[in-house]
Protein backbone atom coordinates (compact mmCIF):
# COMPACT_ATOMS: atom_id res chain seq x y z
CA MET A 1 -3.60 -6.53 -5.99
CA PRO A 2 -6.31 -7.31 -8.50
CA ILE A 3 -6.57 -5.08 -11.54
CA ARG A 4 -9.78 -3.06 -11.73
CA PRO A 5 -11.87 -3.95 -14.82
CA GLU A 6 -11.75 -0.41 -16.24
CA MET A 7 -7.93 -0.41 -16.00
CA ARG A 8 -7.36 -3.87 -17.52
CA ALA A 9 -6.99 -2.51 -21.07
CA LEU A 10 -3.96 -0.44 -19.98
CA TYR A 11 -1.97 -3.52 -18.95
CA PRO A 12 -0.11 -5.65 -21.52
CA ALA A 13 -1.24 -9.19 -22.31
CA ASP A 14 1.89 -10.61 -20.66
CA TRP A 15 1.40 -8.71 -17.37
CA PRO A 16 1.39 -11.91 -15.23
CA GLN A 17 4.85 -12.79 -16.58
CA ILE A 18 6.18 -9.23 -16.09
CA SER A 19 4.76 -9.11 -12.56
CA GLY A 20 6.19 -12.52 -11.70
CA TRP A 21 9.63 -11.54 -12.98
CA ILE A 22 9.63 -8.32 -10.91
CA ARG A 23 8.40 -10.04 -7.73
CA PHE A 24 10.35 -13.29 -7.79
CA GLU A 25 13.37 -12.88 -10.08
CA ARG A 26 14.45 -9.31 -9.44
CA ALA A 27 13.18 -8.90 -5.85
CA LYS A 28 13.85 -12.57 -4.95
CA GLY A 29 10.45 -12.93 -3.28
CA CYS A 30 10.87 -10.08 -0.78
CA CYS A 31 9.41 -6.59 -0.57
CA GLU A 32 11.91 -4.12 -2.04
CA GLN A 33 11.22 -1.53 0.68
CA CYS A 34 10.87 -3.44 3.94
CA GLY A 35 12.18 -6.90 3.05
CA ARG A 36 9.13 -8.94 4.11
CA PRO A 37 9.14 -12.39 2.45
CA HIS A 38 6.30 -13.36 0.10
CA GLY A 39 3.83 -15.97 1.36
CA ARG A 40 5.06 -15.97 4.95
CA ILE A 41 2.95 -15.15 7.98
CA VAL A 42 4.70 -12.43 10.00
CA ARG A 43 3.95 -10.64 13.26
CA CYS A 44 3.60 -6.88 12.75
CA LEU A 45 3.41 -3.93 15.11
CA PRO A 46 1.43 -0.76 14.25
CA ASP A 47 4.64 1.29 13.91
CA GLY A 48 5.85 -0.95 11.05
CA ARG A 49 8.23 -3.24 12.94
CA TRP A 50 7.91 -6.91 12.07
CA PHE A 51 9.35 -10.19 13.33
CA ASP A 52 11.67 -11.94 10.88
CA PRO A 53 11.63 -15.69 11.64
CA LEU A 54 14.77 -16.30 9.57
CA ILE A 55 16.96 -14.25 11.92
CA GLU A 56 14.64 -14.65 14.91
CA GLY A 57 14.62 -10.91 15.50
CA TRP A 58 12.66 -7.75 14.81
CA ARG A 59 13.13 -5.51 11.78
CA THR A 60 12.15 -1.88 11.32
CA GLN A 61 9.67 -0.65 8.73
CA THR A 62 12.60 -0.21 6.28
CA GLY A 63 13.87 -3.77 6.80
CA ALA A 64 16.88 -2.87 8.97
CA LEU A 65 17.50 -4.80 12.16
CA ALA A 66 15.71 -3.25 15.12
CA ASN A 67 17.92 -2.27 18.04
CA ALA A 68 15.65 -3.74 20.69
CA TRP A 69 12.69 -6.03 21.03
CA PRO A 70 9.33 -4.33 21.59
CA ASP A 71 8.24 -3.80 25.15
CA ILE A 72 5.15 -5.56 26.46
CA GLU A 73 2.94 -2.52 25.88
CA ASP A 74 3.87 -2.35 22.18
CA TYR A 75 3.63 -6.11 21.78
CA CYS A 76 0.00 -6.06 22.94
CA TRP A 77 -0.86 -4.41 19.61
CA PHE A 78 0.78 -6.98 17.31
CA ARG A 79 -1.15 -8.76 14.60
CA THR A 80 -0.28 -11.53 12.19
CA THR A 81 -0.57 -11.13 8.45
CA ARG A 82 0.31 -13.16 5.38
CA VAL A 83 2.66 -11.20 3.15
CA ILE A 84 1.62 -11.01 -0.51
CA LEU A 85 3.88 -9.19 -2.97
CA ALA A 86 2.49 -7.08 -5.79
CA ALA A 87 4.22 -5.39 -8.70
CA CYS A 88 3.65 -1.67 -8.22
CA HIS A 89 4.05 1.21 -10.70
CA LYS A 90 6.21 3.95 -9.18
CA ASP A 91 4.52 6.66 -11.28
CA HIS A 92 0.96 5.18 -10.94
CA ASP A 93 0.74 4.83 -14.74
CA PRO A 94 -0.30 1.25 -15.62
CA ALA A 95 0.77 1.77 -19.24
CA ASN A 96 4.39 2.42 -18.19
CA ASN A 97 5.78 -1.09 -17.71
CA ASP A 98 9.46 -0.24 -17.87
CA PRO A 99 11.36 -2.42 -15.32
CA ASP A 100 12.78 0.76 -13.74
CA ASN A 101 9.20 1.93 -13.10
CA LEU A 102 8.07 -1.32 -11.42
CA ILE A 103 8.80 -2.33 -7.84
CA ALA A 104 7.78 -5.37 -5.75
CA LEU A 105 5.95 -4.25 -2.60
CA CYS A 106 4.09 -5.97 0.23
CA GLN A 107 0.55 -4.84 1.11
CA ARG A 108 1.68 -2.32 3.73
CA CYS A 109 4.35 -0.68 1.56
CA HIS A 110 1.99 -0.67 -1.45
CA LEU A 111 -0.71 1.17 0.50
CA ILE A 112 1.81 3.69 1.83
CA HIS A 113 3.16 4.23 -1.71
CA ASP A 114 -0.34 4.70 -3.16
CA ARG A 115 -1.73 6.91 -0.35
CA PRO A 116 -1.34 10.26 -2.21
CA GLU A 117 -2.95 8.76 -5.32
CA HIS A 118 -5.82 7.32 -3.27
CA ARG A 119 -6.39 10.72 -1.60
CA ARG A 120 -6.47 12.38 -5.03
CA ARG A 121 -9.04 9.86 -6.30
CA ILE A 122 -11.20 10.26 -3.18
CA ARG A 123 -11.22 14.03 -3.70
CA LEU A 124 -12.24 13.62 -7.36
CA THR A 125 -15.01 11.17 -6.42
CA ILE A 126 -16.41 13.57 -3.83
CA LEU A 127 -16.31 16.45 -6.30
CA GLN A 128 -18.04 14.36 -8.97
CA ARG A 129 -20.79 13.32 -6.56
CA ARG A 130 -21.30 16.91 -5.47
CA ALA A 131 -21.54 17.97 -9.12
CA LEU A 132 -24.18 15.31 -9.81
CA GLY A 133 -26.08 16.35 -6.70
CA ASP A 134 -25.98 20.00 -7.79
CA LEU A 135 -27.17 19.02 -11.25
CA PHE A 136 -30.18 16.99 -10.13
CA LEU A 137 -30.98 18.21 -6.62
CA GLY A 138 -29.86 21.85 -6.63
CA LEU A 139 -27.01 23.40 -4.67
CA TYR A 140 -26.03 21.78 -1.39
CA ARG A 141 -26.77 23.75 1.74
CA HIS A 142 -23.76 22.42 3.64
CA HIS A 143 -20.58 22.70 1.60
CA LEU A 144 -17.73 20.37 2.46
CA ARG A 145 -14.34 22.01 2.23
CA ILE A 146 -12.66 19.32 0.14
CA ALA A 147 -9.23 20.96 0.09
CA GLU A 148 -8.97 20.77 3.88
CA VAL A 149 -9.69 17.04 4.24
CA GLU A 150 -6.70 15.63 6.06
CA VAL A 151 -5.38 12.09 6.15
CA VAL A 152 -6.35 10.35 9.35
CA SER A 153 -3.86 7.66 10.33
CA TRP A 154 -4.33 4.97 12.91
CA ARG A 155 -2.78 5.83 16.23
CA ARG A 156 -2.51 3.70 19.33
CA PRO A 157 -4.66 5.03 22.19
CA THR A 158 -2.63 6.74 24.89
């Protein structure tokens, strides 16, 4: 994933080399959570299962072999995606570049890993915008209960 401009100063000058070592030397070009190979186009189902062309079979969201192939109803929802690995900070601190704190993740696993951090940032952004609105426009009439905002996940229609 690209580094945001305001965060670039927190990364070391040799970040491309560190990231490359984590993704391709240590992880051998595969996601360390689900096992998806870097640069390959894979078929994915919404529940996280994906087709591994090397074994010609389906894997679960954790990379284990799936017990059965998807039925036709599940397979209608498949999509293809190119897998791109990224070096991810386990503790979300870009200044902590210890190899034990870095992990190679595909897009899906990276988003799942970062979901709590993204929710926290969304909440802070909403609170900051409300504060600016209160400062310049007066108090809002309709108050949004920020603490009760729940994560909405994609679900297949039933």
